[in-house]
Amino acid sequence: MILALDTTSEYGSIALAEGEVVVEAEEVRSAEGFGHVIFQRVQALLARRGLALADIAGYAAASGPGSFTGVRIGLTAVKGLAEAHGKRVVPVSNLLALARAGSGDLRAPLIDARRGEIYGAVYTAQLDPVIPEVAAPLARFLELVGDRAVTYITTGFEPAPGLLVVKAPRALAVPVAQIAARVFAEGEALLPEQVEANYIRRSDAELAVPPS
């Protein structure tokens, strides 16, 4: 079993998967963050399935981009659980998870990055990168896409009129678990200490610090 978390926005989620088959998934909304609720919800989900943490073969988490605090909470949780039980971890990009949840031969997941920018990328249906992940103004990203026939994928963010947009479920833990299952099967899961966040750009706090 793989246990996957997404705490990168207020619409978090937990998923339990056997291979790429999701056994159970649950949305966990918390506008105040997830540090005080995520372990309780994990324990409740496992209890419903008659499982313990010792039964989990590996862990996965949405690694960003997203809320900087939210990204840290999810990654810290799975890293701690994996270390305690001698397991491995797969961090999964939120953009890649959106692409997995979408449709089309070329998939362009978009996340509102604020400050007049989006996080975006383009993947094939097999999740191979065509345009790497970037933080950029939408107009600049559309220039990068050019005349490619892509399907834009969001969880509710409306990027611009006239774009073909598919709305993906907010429960990103589901595609995170499915992507992680492939990585585990290929033997490429990481030790907890090897896992890093996928911020793409620096936080507001870091940007506020003048260069030395």
N, C-alpha and C. Protein backbone atom coordinates (compact mmCIF):
# COMPACT_ATOMS: atom_id res chain seq x y z
N MET A 1 0.84 -1.20 0.00
CA MET A 1 0.00 0.00 0.00
C MET A 1 0.87 1.25 0.00
N ILE A 2 0.44 2.25 -0.75
CA ILE A 2 1.09 3.55 -0.77
C ILE A 2 0.14 4.56 -0.13
N LEU A 3 0.68 5.36 0.77
CA LEU A 3 -0.09 6.44 1.36
C LEU A 3 0.40 7.75 0.78
N ALA A 4 -0.53 8.53 0.19
CA ALA A 4 -0.17 9.79 -0.46
C ALA A 4 -0.90 10.95 0.20
N LEU A 5 -0.20 12.07 0.32
CA LEU A 5 -0.77 13.28 0.91
C LEU A 5 -0.63 14.46 -0.04
N ASP A 6 -1.59 15.36 0.04
CA ASP A 6 -1.46 16.67 -0.60
C ASP A 6 -1.92 17.71 0.40
N THR A 7 -1.01 18.55 0.85
CA THR A 7 -1.34 19.63 1.78
C THR A 7 -0.89 20.98 1.22
N THR A 8 -0.81 21.07 -0.10
CA THR A 8 -0.20 22.25 -0.72
C THR A 8 -1.17 23.40 -0.95
N SER A 9 -2.44 23.22 -0.66
CA SER A 9 -3.42 24.30 -0.68
C SER A 9 -4.44 24.00 0.41
N GLU A 10 -5.43 24.88 0.60
CA GLU A 10 -6.41 24.59 1.64
C GLU A 10 -7.28 23.39 1.29
N TYR A 11 -7.28 22.96 0.02
CA TYR A 11 -8.03 21.78 -0.39
C TYR A 11 -7.08 20.60 -0.45
N GLY A 12 -6.76 20.06 0.71
CA GLY A 12 -5.84 18.93 0.78
C GLY A 12 -6.55 17.62 0.56
N SER A 13 -5.77 16.54 0.58
CA SER A 13 -6.35 15.21 0.39
C SER A 13 -5.38 14.13 0.82
N ILE A 14 -5.95 12.95 1.05
CA ILE A 14 -5.20 11.75 1.41
C ILE A 14 -5.67 10.63 0.49
N ALA A 15 -4.77 9.80 0.05
CA ALA A 15 -5.15 8.66 -0.78
C ALA A 15 -4.36 7.43 -0.36
N LEU A 16 -5.02 6.30 -0.44
CA LEU A 16 -4.40 5.00 -0.16
C LEU A 16 -4.53 4.18 -1.43
N ALA A 17 -3.41 3.67 -1.94
CA ALA A 17 -3.43 2.97 -3.22
C ALA A 17 -2.69 1.64 -3.14
N GLU A 18 -3.21 0.68 -3.88
CA GLU A 18 -2.55 -0.60 -4.09
C GLU A 18 -2.08 -0.60 -5.53
N GLY A 19 -0.78 -0.40 -5.74
CA GLY A 19 -0.32 -0.13 -7.09
C GLY A 19 -0.93 1.18 -7.55
N GLU A 20 -1.42 1.21 -8.79
CA GLU A 20 -2.06 2.44 -9.30
C GLU A 20 -3.56 2.47 -9.03
N VAL A 21 -4.07 1.45 -8.33
CA VAL A 21 -5.50 1.41 -8.00
C VAL A 21 -5.72 2.09 -6.66
N VAL A 22 -6.48 3.16 -6.65
CA VAL A 22 -6.75 3.90 -5.43
C VAL A 22 -7.84 3.18 -4.65
N VAL A 23 -7.50 2.77 -3.44
CA VAL A 23 -8.43 2.04 -2.58
C VAL A 23 -9.40 2.99 -1.89
N GLU A 24 -8.88 4.11 -1.43
CA GLU A 24 -9.73 5.12 -0.78
C GLU A 24 -9.04 6.46 -0.87
N ALA A 25 -9.83 7.50 -1.04
CA ALA A 25 -9.31 8.86 -1.06
C ALA A 25 -10.26 9.76 -0.30
N GLU A 26 -9.71 10.78 0.31
CA GLU A 26 -10.52 11.68 1.13
C GLU A 26 -10.01 13.10 0.97
N GLU A 27 -10.92 14.03 0.73
CA GLU A 27 -10.55 15.44 0.72
C GLU A 27 -10.49 15.95 2.16
N VAL A 28 -9.50 16.78 2.43
CA VAL A 28 -9.33 17.36 3.77
C VAL A 28 -9.14 18.85 3.60
N ARG A 29 -10.20 19.60 3.77
CA ARG A 29 -10.09 21.05 3.61
C ARG A 29 -9.75 21.69 4.95
N SER A 30 -8.75 22.55 4.95
CA SER A 30 -8.36 23.24 6.19
C SER A 30 -7.73 24.58 5.83
N ALA A 31 -8.49 25.64 5.97
CA ALA A 31 -7.98 26.97 5.66
C ALA A 31 -6.90 27.40 6.64
N GLU A 32 -6.87 26.76 7.82
CA GLU A 32 -5.88 27.11 8.85
C GLU A 32 -4.62 26.26 8.74
N GLY A 33 -4.50 25.46 7.72
CA GLY A 33 -3.33 24.59 7.59
C GLY A 33 -3.61 23.18 8.04
N PHE A 34 -2.65 22.31 7.86
CA PHE A 34 -2.88 20.88 8.09
C PHE A 34 -2.05 20.29 9.22
N GLY A 35 -1.17 21.08 9.82
CA GLY A 35 -0.30 20.53 10.86
C GLY A 35 -1.07 19.91 12.01
N HIS A 36 -2.24 20.45 12.32
CA HIS A 36 -3.01 19.98 13.48
C HIS A 36 -4.03 18.91 13.12
N VAL A 37 -4.20 18.58 11.84
CA VAL A 37 -5.26 17.62 11.47
C VAL A 37 -4.78 16.43 10.66
N ILE A 38 -3.65 16.54 9.98
CA ILE A 38 -3.32 15.55 8.97
C ILE A 38 -3.07 14.17 9.56
N PHE A 39 -2.37 14.09 10.70
CA PHE A 39 -2.09 12.77 11.26
C PHE A 39 -3.36 12.10 11.78
N GLN A 40 -4.27 12.89 12.34
CA GLN A 40 -5.54 12.33 12.79
C GLN A 40 -6.33 11.74 11.62
N ARG A 41 -6.33 12.45 10.50
CA ARG A 41 -7.10 11.97 9.34
C ARG A 41 -6.44 10.73 8.72
N VAL A 42 -5.12 10.69 8.73
CA VAL A 42 -4.42 9.50 8.24
C VAL A 42 -4.76 8.30 9.10
N GLN A 43 -4.68 8.47 10.41
CA GLN A 43 -4.99 7.37 11.32
C GLN A 43 -6.43 6.89 11.15
N ALA A 44 -7.35 7.83 10.95
CA ALA A 44 -8.76 7.45 10.76
C ALA A 44 -8.96 6.67 9.47
N LEU A 45 -8.30 7.12 8.40
CA LEU A 45 -8.41 6.41 7.12
C LEU A 45 -7.86 4.98 7.24
N LEU A 46 -6.71 4.84 7.86
CA LEU A 46 -6.12 3.51 8.03
C LEU A 46 -7.00 2.63 8.90
N ALA A 47 -7.59 3.20 9.95
CA ALA A 47 -8.45 2.43 10.84
C ALA A 47 -9.66 1.89 10.09
N ARG A 48 -10.22 2.69 9.18
CA ARG A 48 -11.37 2.22 8.41
C ARG A 48 -11.01 1.02 7.56
N ARG A 49 -9.76 0.92 7.16
CA ARG A 49 -9.29 -0.18 6.32
C ARG A 49 -8.67 -1.31 7.12
N GLY A 50 -8.65 -1.17 8.44
CA GLY A 50 -8.05 -2.20 9.28
C GLY A 50 -6.54 -2.28 9.11
N LEU A 51 -5.91 -1.13 8.84
CA LEU A 51 -4.48 -1.09 8.59
C LEU A 51 -3.77 -0.26 9.66
N ALA A 52 -2.48 -0.50 9.79
CA ALA A 52 -1.62 0.29 10.65
C ALA A 52 -0.52 0.90 9.79
N LEU A 53 0.19 1.87 10.34
CA LEU A 53 1.27 2.50 9.59
C LEU A 53 2.33 1.48 9.18
N ALA A 54 2.50 0.45 9.97
CA ALA A 54 3.48 -0.59 9.64
C ALA A 54 3.10 -1.34 8.36
N ASP A 55 1.83 -1.27 7.95
CA ASP A 55 1.38 -1.95 6.74
C ASP A 55 1.64 -1.14 5.47
N ILE A 56 2.03 0.11 5.62
CA ILE A 56 2.27 0.97 4.46
C ILE A 56 3.65 0.68 3.88
N ALA A 57 3.69 0.38 2.58
CA ALA A 57 4.96 0.02 1.93
C ALA A 57 5.78 1.23 1.54
N GLY A 58 5.11 2.36 1.31
CA GLY A 58 5.84 3.56 0.91
C GLY A 58 4.92 4.77 0.96
N TYR A 59 5.53 5.95 0.87
CA TYR A 59 4.80 7.20 1.03
C TYR A 59 5.03 8.10 -0.18
N ALA A 60 4.07 8.99 -0.40
CA ALA A 60 4.19 9.98 -1.47
C ALA A 60 3.54 11.26 -1.00
N ALA A 61 4.00 12.37 -1.57
CA ALA A 61 3.40 13.66 -1.23
C ALA A 61 3.52 14.61 -2.40
N ALA A 62 2.50 15.46 -2.54
CA ALA A 62 2.62 16.56 -3.49
C ALA A 62 3.73 17.48 -3.00
N SER A 63 4.69 17.77 -3.87
CA SER A 63 5.89 18.49 -3.44
C SER A 63 5.91 19.95 -3.88
N GLY A 64 4.80 20.44 -4.44
CA GLY A 64 4.74 21.81 -4.91
C GLY A 64 4.84 21.87 -6.42
N PRO A 65 4.62 23.04 -6.98
CA PRO A 65 4.46 24.32 -6.29
C PRO A 65 3.10 24.46 -5.62
N GLY A 66 3.07 25.32 -4.61
CA GLY A 66 1.86 25.56 -3.85
C GLY A 66 2.21 26.42 -2.66
N SER A 67 1.35 26.40 -1.65
CA SER A 67 1.63 27.11 -0.41
C SER A 67 2.95 26.62 0.17
N PHE A 68 3.87 27.54 0.46
CA PHE A 68 5.17 27.13 0.98
C PHE A 68 5.03 26.36 2.29
N THR A 69 4.18 26.86 3.19
CA THR A 69 3.96 26.17 4.45
C THR A 69 3.28 24.83 4.21
N GLY A 70 2.28 24.81 3.33
CA GLY A 70 1.57 23.57 3.04
C GLY A 70 2.48 22.51 2.45
N VAL A 71 3.35 22.90 1.53
CA VAL A 71 4.29 21.96 0.93
C VAL A 71 5.16 21.35 2.02
N ARG A 72 5.67 22.19 2.91
CA ARG A 72 6.55 21.69 3.98
C ARG A 72 5.82 20.72 4.90
N ILE A 73 4.57 21.00 5.22
CA ILE A 73 3.82 20.13 6.13
C ILE A 73 3.67 18.73 5.55
N GLY A 74 3.25 18.64 4.29
CA GLY A 74 3.06 17.33 3.69
C GLY A 74 4.35 16.55 3.56
N LEU A 75 5.39 17.22 3.08
CA LEU A 75 6.67 16.53 2.91
C LEU A 75 7.26 16.13 4.26
N THR A 76 7.16 17.00 5.25
CA THR A 76 7.68 16.65 6.58
C THR A 76 6.94 15.46 7.16
N ALA A 77 5.62 15.42 6.94
CA ALA A 77 4.82 14.31 7.46
C ALA A 77 5.26 12.98 6.85
N VAL A 78 5.35 12.91 5.53
CA VAL A 78 5.70 11.62 4.91
C VAL A 78 7.15 11.25 5.17
N LYS A 79 8.03 12.25 5.23
CA LYS A 79 9.43 11.96 5.53
C LYS A 79 9.56 11.39 6.95
N GLY A 80 8.83 11.97 7.89
CA GLY A 80 8.88 11.47 9.26
C GLY A 80 8.33 10.07 9.39
N LEU A 81 7.20 9.81 8.74
CA LEU A 81 6.60 8.48 8.79
C LEU A 81 7.50 7.44 8.10
N ALA A 82 8.07 7.82 6.98
CA ALA A 82 8.94 6.90 6.26
C ALA A 82 10.20 6.59 7.06
N GLU A 83 10.76 7.59 7.68
CA GLU A 83 11.97 7.36 8.48
C GLU A 83 11.67 6.48 9.67
N ALA A 84 10.52 6.72 10.31
CA ALA A 84 10.17 5.93 11.49
C ALA A 84 9.94 4.46 11.17
N HIS A 85 9.50 4.18 9.93
CA HIS A 85 9.15 2.80 9.58
C HIS A 85 10.09 2.20 8.54
N GLY A 86 11.18 2.90 8.24
CA GLY A 86 12.17 2.36 7.31
C GLY A 86 11.65 2.24 5.88
N LYS A 87 10.87 3.21 5.43
CA LYS A 87 10.29 3.18 4.09
C LYS A 87 10.87 4.29 3.22
N ARG A 88 10.46 4.30 1.97
CA ARG A 88 10.92 5.32 1.03
C ARG A 88 9.78 6.25 0.63
N VAL A 89 10.14 7.33 -0.03
CA VAL A 89 9.20 8.41 -0.34
C VAL A 89 9.33 8.80 -1.80
N VAL A 90 8.19 9.16 -2.41
CA VAL A 90 8.19 9.74 -3.75
C VAL A 90 7.55 11.12 -3.68
N PRO A 91 8.33 12.19 -3.91
CA PRO A 91 7.73 13.52 -4.04
C PRO A 91 7.22 13.69 -5.46
N VAL A 92 6.02 14.24 -5.61
CA VAL A 92 5.40 14.38 -6.93
C VAL A 92 5.03 15.84 -7.17
N SER A 93 5.49 16.39 -8.27
CA SER A 93 5.15 17.75 -8.63
C SER A 93 3.64 17.92 -8.76
N ASN A 94 3.13 19.02 -8.23
CA ASN A 94 1.70 19.32 -8.39
C ASN A 94 1.32 19.45 -9.86
N LEU A 95 2.20 20.02 -10.66
CA LEU A 95 1.91 20.17 -12.09
C LEU A 95 1.83 18.81 -12.77
N LEU A 96 2.73 17.91 -12.42
CA LEU A 96 2.69 16.56 -12.99
C LEU A 96 1.42 15.84 -12.55
N ALA A 97 1.04 16.01 -11.28
CA ALA A 97 -0.19 15.39 -10.78
C ALA A 97 -1.41 15.92 -11.52
N LEU A 98 -1.45 17.22 -11.78
CA LEU A 98 -2.55 17.80 -12.56
C LEU A 98 -2.59 17.21 -13.96
N ALA A 99 -1.42 17.06 -14.58
CA ALA A 99 -1.38 16.47 -15.92
C ALA A 99 -1.91 15.04 -15.89
N ARG A 100 -1.57 14.28 -14.86
CA ARG A 100 -2.05 12.90 -14.72
C ARG A 100 -3.57 12.86 -14.57
N ALA A 101 -4.12 13.87 -13.90
CA ALA A 101 -5.57 13.91 -13.67
C ALA A 101 -6.34 14.46 -14.86
N GLY A 102 -5.63 15.02 -15.84
CA GLY A 102 -6.30 15.64 -16.98
C GLY A 102 -6.46 14.72 -18.16
N SER A 103 -6.58 15.30 -19.34
CA SER A 103 -6.79 14.52 -20.56
C SER A 103 -6.15 15.26 -21.73
N GLY A 104 -6.04 14.57 -22.86
CA GLY A 104 -5.47 15.18 -24.05
C GLY A 104 -4.09 14.65 -24.36
N ASP A 105 -3.69 14.78 -25.62
CA ASP A 105 -2.37 14.31 -26.04
C ASP A 105 -1.26 15.20 -25.50
N LEU A 106 -1.52 16.51 -25.44
CA LEU A 106 -0.58 17.44 -24.82
C LEU A 106 -1.33 18.16 -23.70
N ARG A 107 -0.77 18.11 -22.50
CA ARG A 107 -1.48 18.61 -21.32
C ARG A 107 -0.67 19.73 -20.68
N ALA A 108 -1.33 20.86 -20.47
CA ALA A 108 -0.66 22.02 -19.88
C ALA A 108 -1.32 22.35 -18.55
N PRO A 109 -0.83 21.78 -17.46
CA PRO A 109 -1.37 22.13 -16.14
C PRO A 109 -0.97 23.55 -15.77
N LEU A 110 -1.91 24.27 -15.14
CA LEU A 110 -1.67 25.65 -14.71
C LEU A 110 -2.10 25.81 -13.27
N ILE A 111 -1.27 26.51 -12.50
CA ILE A 111 -1.59 26.84 -11.11
C ILE A 111 -1.38 28.34 -10.94
N ASP A 112 -2.32 28.98 -10.27
CA ASP A 112 -2.19 30.42 -10.01
C ASP A 112 -1.02 30.65 -9.06
N ALA A 113 0.02 31.33 -9.53
CA ALA A 113 1.21 31.60 -8.71
C ALA A 113 1.14 32.97 -8.05
N ARG A 114 0.06 33.72 -8.32
CA ARG A 114 -0.10 35.08 -7.80
C ARG A 114 1.02 35.98 -8.32
N ARG A 115 1.04 37.21 -7.89
CA ARG A 115 1.99 38.21 -8.40
C ARG A 115 1.94 38.32 -9.92
N GLY A 116 0.76 38.02 -10.52
CA GLY A 116 0.62 38.14 -11.96
C GLY A 116 1.25 37.01 -12.74
N GLU A 117 1.53 35.90 -12.07
CA GLU A 117 2.19 34.77 -12.74
C GLU A 117 1.40 33.48 -12.55
N ILE A 118 1.76 32.50 -13.38
CA ILE A 118 1.25 31.14 -13.23
C ILE A 118 2.44 30.20 -13.12
N TYR A 119 2.19 29.06 -12.50
CA TYR A 119 3.10 27.93 -12.63
C TYR A 119 2.54 27.08 -13.76
N GLY A 120 3.38 26.67 -14.67
CA GLY A 120 2.89 25.88 -15.80
C GLY A 120 3.95 24.97 -16.37
N ALA A 121 3.49 24.03 -17.16
CA ALA A 121 4.36 23.10 -17.87
C ALA A 121 3.52 22.44 -18.95
N VAL A 122 4.15 21.71 -19.84
CA VAL A 122 3.43 20.91 -20.82
C VAL A 122 4.00 19.50 -20.81
N TYR A 123 3.08 18.52 -20.77
CA TYR A 123 3.45 17.11 -20.76
C TYR A 123 2.69 16.38 -21.86
N THR A 124 3.25 15.26 -22.29
CA THR A 124 2.51 14.36 -23.17
C THR A 124 1.53 13.55 -22.33
N ALA A 125 0.69 12.77 -23.00
CA ALA A 125 -0.24 11.90 -22.29
C ALA A 125 0.49 10.85 -21.46
N GLN A 126 1.74 10.57 -21.82
CA GLN A 126 2.57 9.62 -21.07
C GLN A 126 3.35 10.32 -19.95
N LEU A 127 3.08 11.61 -19.77
CA LEU A 127 3.68 12.45 -18.72
C LEU A 127 5.16 12.73 -18.96
N ASP A 128 5.56 12.69 -20.21
CA ASP A 128 6.91 13.13 -20.56
C ASP A 128 6.89 14.65 -20.74
N PRO A 129 7.89 15.37 -20.21
CA PRO A 129 7.87 16.83 -20.31
C PRO A 129 8.15 17.32 -21.73
N VAL A 130 7.37 18.30 -22.16
CA VAL A 130 7.58 18.98 -23.44
C VAL A 130 8.09 20.39 -23.18
N ILE A 131 7.47 21.08 -22.23
CA ILE A 131 7.95 22.37 -21.74
C ILE A 131 8.15 22.20 -20.24
N PRO A 132 9.36 22.44 -19.73
CA PRO A 132 9.62 22.23 -18.30
C PRO A 132 8.85 23.21 -17.43
N GLU A 133 8.75 22.89 -16.16
CA GLU A 133 8.00 23.71 -15.22
C GLU A 133 8.60 25.11 -15.10
N VAL A 134 7.73 26.11 -15.14
CA VAL A 134 8.17 27.50 -15.04
C VAL A 134 7.20 28.29 -14.18
N ALA A 135 7.68 29.41 -13.65
CA ALA A 135 6.82 30.45 -13.08
C ALA A 135 6.97 31.65 -14.00
N ALA A 136 5.86 32.08 -14.59
CA ALA A 136 5.95 33.16 -15.59
C ALA A 136 4.58 33.81 -15.76
N PRO A 137 4.53 35.02 -16.29
CA PRO A 137 3.24 35.59 -16.68
C PRO A 137 2.54 34.68 -17.68
N LEU A 138 1.22 34.62 -17.62
CA LEU A 138 0.48 33.74 -18.51
C LEU A 138 0.81 34.03 -19.97
N ALA A 139 0.91 35.29 -20.33
CA ALA A 139 1.20 35.65 -21.73
C ALA A 139 2.52 35.05 -22.18
N ARG A 140 3.51 35.07 -21.30
CA ARG A 140 4.81 34.50 -21.65
C ARG A 140 4.70 32.99 -21.80
N PHE A 141 3.94 32.34 -20.92
CA PHE A 141 3.76 30.89 -21.02
C PHE A 141 3.05 30.52 -22.32
N LEU A 142 2.05 31.30 -22.70
CA LEU A 142 1.35 31.03 -23.95
C LEU A 142 2.28 31.18 -25.14
N GLU A 143 3.23 32.09 -25.05
CA GLU A 143 4.24 32.20 -26.11
C GLU A 143 5.09 30.93 -26.18
N LEU A 144 5.43 30.38 -25.04
CA LEU A 144 6.21 29.14 -25.02
C LEU A 144 5.42 27.99 -25.63
N VAL A 145 4.11 27.96 -25.35
CA VAL A 145 3.26 26.89 -25.91
C VAL A 145 3.16 27.05 -27.43
N GLY A 146 3.08 28.28 -27.89
CA GLY A 146 3.01 28.53 -29.33
C GLY A 146 1.75 27.95 -29.95
N ASP A 147 1.91 27.30 -31.10
CA ASP A 147 0.75 26.77 -31.81
C ASP A 147 0.48 25.31 -31.48
N ARG A 148 1.09 24.79 -30.41
CA ARG A 148 0.79 23.42 -30.00
C ARG A 148 -0.67 23.31 -29.57
N ALA A 149 -1.31 22.21 -29.94
CA ALA A 149 -2.69 21.96 -29.53
C ALA A 149 -2.68 21.32 -28.15
N VAL A 150 -2.85 22.13 -27.12
CA VAL A 150 -2.77 21.62 -25.76
C VAL A 150 -4.11 21.76 -25.06
N THR A 151 -4.30 20.93 -24.05
CA THR A 151 -5.43 21.05 -23.14
C THR A 151 -4.91 21.61 -21.83
N TYR A 152 -5.48 22.73 -21.39
CA TYR A 152 -5.05 23.34 -20.13
C TYR A 152 -5.83 22.70 -18.99
N ILE A 153 -5.13 22.43 -17.90
CA ILE A 153 -5.73 21.70 -16.78
C ILE A 153 -5.53 22.52 -15.51
N THR A 154 -6.62 22.77 -14.80
CA THR A 154 -6.57 23.50 -13.54
C THR A 154 -7.50 22.83 -12.54
N THR A 155 -7.45 23.29 -11.29
CA THR A 155 -8.42 22.80 -10.30
C THR A 155 -9.48 23.86 -10.01
N GLY A 156 -9.70 24.75 -10.93
CA GLY A 156 -10.71 25.79 -10.76
C GLY A 156 -10.23 27.16 -11.17
N PHE A 157 -8.93 27.32 -11.26
CA PHE A 157 -8.33 28.57 -11.72
C PHE A 157 -8.69 28.80 -13.19
N GLU A 158 -9.23 29.98 -13.50
CA GLU A 158 -9.60 30.33 -14.87
C GLU A 158 -8.51 31.21 -15.45
N PRO A 159 -7.62 30.68 -16.28
CA PRO A 159 -6.46 31.46 -16.73
C PRO A 159 -6.79 32.59 -17.68
N ALA A 160 -7.63 32.33 -18.70
CA ALA A 160 -7.94 33.36 -19.69
C ALA A 160 -9.07 32.86 -20.58
N PRO A 161 -9.89 33.76 -21.14
CA PRO A 161 -10.95 33.34 -22.05
C PRO A 161 -10.36 32.71 -23.31
N GLY A 162 -11.10 31.76 -23.85
CA GLY A 162 -10.72 31.18 -25.13
C GLY A 162 -9.80 29.98 -25.06
N LEU A 163 -9.30 29.64 -23.87
CA LEU A 163 -8.43 28.47 -23.74
C LEU A 163 -9.27 27.23 -23.45
N LEU A 164 -8.86 26.10 -24.01
CA LEU A 164 -9.54 24.83 -23.73
C LEU A 164 -9.07 24.34 -22.37
N VAL A 165 -9.95 24.46 -21.36
CA VAL A 165 -9.56 24.15 -19.99
C VAL A 165 -10.37 22.97 -19.47
N VAL A 166 -9.66 21.99 -18.90
CA VAL A 166 -10.27 20.85 -18.22
C VAL A 166 -10.08 21.07 -16.72
N LYS A 167 -11.16 20.93 -15.98
CA LYS A 167 -11.08 21.12 -14.53
C LYS A 167 -10.79 19.78 -13.87
N ALA A 168 -9.67 19.69 -13.18
CA ALA A 168 -9.28 18.46 -12.50
C ALA A 168 -9.83 18.45 -11.08
N PRO A 169 -10.02 17.28 -10.47
CA PRO A 169 -10.46 17.23 -9.08
C PRO A 169 -9.44 17.89 -8.15
N ARG A 170 -9.93 18.46 -7.06
CA ARG A 170 -9.02 19.09 -6.11
C ARG A 170 -8.20 18.06 -5.34
N ALA A 171 -8.67 16.81 -5.26
CA ALA A 171 -7.99 15.78 -4.48
C ALA A 171 -6.75 15.28 -5.22
N LEU A 172 -5.69 16.05 -5.19
CA LEU A 172 -4.49 15.70 -5.94
C LEU A 172 -3.75 14.50 -5.36
N ALA A 173 -4.10 14.09 -4.14
CA ALA A 173 -3.45 12.90 -3.58
C ALA A 173 -3.69 11.67 -4.45
N VAL A 174 -4.78 11.65 -5.20
CA VAL A 174 -5.08 10.50 -6.05
C VAL A 174 -4.05 10.37 -7.18
N PRO A 175 -3.88 11.38 -8.06
CA PRO A 175 -2.83 11.24 -9.07
C PRO A 175 -1.43 11.18 -8.47
N VAL A 176 -1.21 11.81 -7.32
CA VAL A 176 0.09 11.68 -6.66
C VAL A 176 0.38 10.23 -6.34
N ALA A 177 -0.61 9.53 -5.78
CA ALA A 177 -0.43 8.11 -5.46
C ALA A 177 -0.20 7.28 -6.71
N GLN A 178 -0.92 7.57 -7.78
CA GLN A 178 -0.79 6.79 -9.02
C GLN A 178 0.58 6.99 -9.67
N ILE A 179 1.05 8.23 -9.67
CA ILE A 179 2.39 8.49 -10.22
C ILE A 179 3.44 7.83 -9.34
N ALA A 180 3.28 7.94 -8.04
CA ALA A 180 4.25 7.35 -7.11
C ALA A 180 4.33 5.84 -7.27
N ALA A 181 3.19 5.21 -7.56
CA ALA A 181 3.19 3.75 -7.72
C ALA A 181 4.14 3.32 -8.83
N ARG A 182 4.16 4.08 -9.93
CA ARG A 182 5.08 3.76 -11.03
C ARG A 182 6.53 3.94 -10.60
N VAL A 183 6.78 5.01 -9.85
CA VAL A 183 8.15 5.28 -9.41
C VAL A 183 8.63 4.18 -8.46
N PHE A 184 7.77 3.75 -7.56
CA PHE A 184 8.12 2.64 -6.67
C PHE A 184 8.38 1.37 -7.47
N ALA A 185 7.54 1.11 -8.47
CA ALA A 185 7.70 -0.10 -9.29
C ALA A 185 9.02 -0.09 -10.05
N GLU A 186 9.49 1.11 -10.40
CA GLU A 186 10.76 1.24 -11.13
C GLU A 186 11.96 1.31 -10.20
N GLY A 187 11.71 1.22 -8.89
CA GLY A 187 12.79 1.22 -7.93
C GLY A 187 13.47 2.56 -7.75
N GLU A 188 12.73 3.67 -8.01
CA GLU A 188 13.36 4.99 -7.98
C GLU A 188 12.85 5.86 -6.83
N ALA A 189 12.16 5.26 -5.86
CA ALA A 189 11.73 6.02 -4.69
C ALA A 189 12.96 6.46 -3.89
N LEU A 190 12.80 7.54 -3.12
CA LEU A 190 13.92 8.16 -2.43
C LEU A 190 13.94 7.84 -0.94
N LEU A 191 15.12 7.90 -0.36
CA LEU A 191 15.24 7.90 1.08
C LEU A 191 14.66 9.21 1.61
N PRO A 192 14.10 9.22 2.83
CA PRO A 192 13.48 10.45 3.33
C PRO A 192 14.38 11.67 3.27
N GLU A 193 15.66 11.50 3.58
CA GLU A 193 16.56 12.65 3.60
C GLU A 193 16.89 13.17 2.21
N GLN A 194 16.52 12.44 1.16
CA GLN A 194 16.78 12.89 -0.20
C GLN A 194 15.64 13.73 -0.77
N VAL A 195 14.54 13.78 -0.09
CA VAL A 195 13.33 14.43 -0.61
C VAL A 195 13.41 15.94 -0.42
N GLU A 196 13.10 16.68 -1.49
CA GLU A 196 13.11 18.13 -1.44
C GLU A 196 11.81 18.69 -2.03
N ALA A 197 11.49 19.90 -1.61
CA ALA A 197 10.29 20.58 -2.13
C ALA A 197 10.54 21.09 -3.54
N ASN A 198 9.45 21.25 -4.28
CA ASN A 198 9.50 21.74 -5.65
C ASN A 198 8.85 23.12 -5.70
N TYR A 199 9.56 24.14 -5.19
CA TYR A 199 8.97 25.46 -5.08
C TYR A 199 8.93 26.21 -6.41
N ILE A 200 9.82 25.93 -7.31
CA ILE A 200 9.99 26.60 -8.60
C ILE A 200 10.51 28.04 -8.45
N ARG A 201 9.90 28.80 -7.55
CA ARG A 201 10.43 30.15 -7.29
C ARG A 201 10.51 30.35 -5.79
N ARG A 202 11.21 31.41 -5.38
CA ARG A 202 11.41 31.66 -3.97
C ARG A 202 10.14 32.21 -3.31
N SER A 203 10.07 32.05 -1.99
CA SER A 203 8.91 32.52 -1.23
C SER A 203 8.91 34.05 -1.14
N ASP A 204 7.77 34.62 -0.74
CA ASP A 204 7.68 36.07 -0.55
C ASP A 204 8.71 36.55 0.49
N ALA A 205 8.89 35.77 1.55
CA ALA A 205 9.84 36.16 2.59
C ALA A 205 11.25 36.24 2.03
N GLU A 206 11.62 35.26 1.20
CA GLU A 206 12.95 35.26 0.62
C GLU A 206 13.11 36.44 -0.36
N LEU A 207 12.06 36.71 -1.14
CA LEU A 207 12.14 37.79 -2.10
C LEU A 207 12.25 39.16 -1.43
N ALA A 208 11.75 39.25 -0.19
CA ALA A 208 11.79 40.51 0.54
C ALA A 208 13.16 40.82 1.10
N VAL A 209 14.04 39.81 1.13
CA VAL A 209 15.39 40.01 1.67
C VAL A 209 16.28 40.57 0.57
N PRO A 210 16.88 41.76 0.78
CA PRO A 210 17.72 42.33 -0.28
C PRO A 210 18.99 41.51 -0.46
N PRO A 211 19.52 41.45 -1.67
CA PRO A 211 20.74 40.69 -1.89
C PRO A 211 21.90 41.25 -1.09
N SER A 212 22.78 40.36 -0.62
CA SER A 212 23.93 40.78 0.19
C SER A 212 25.04 41.29 -0.70
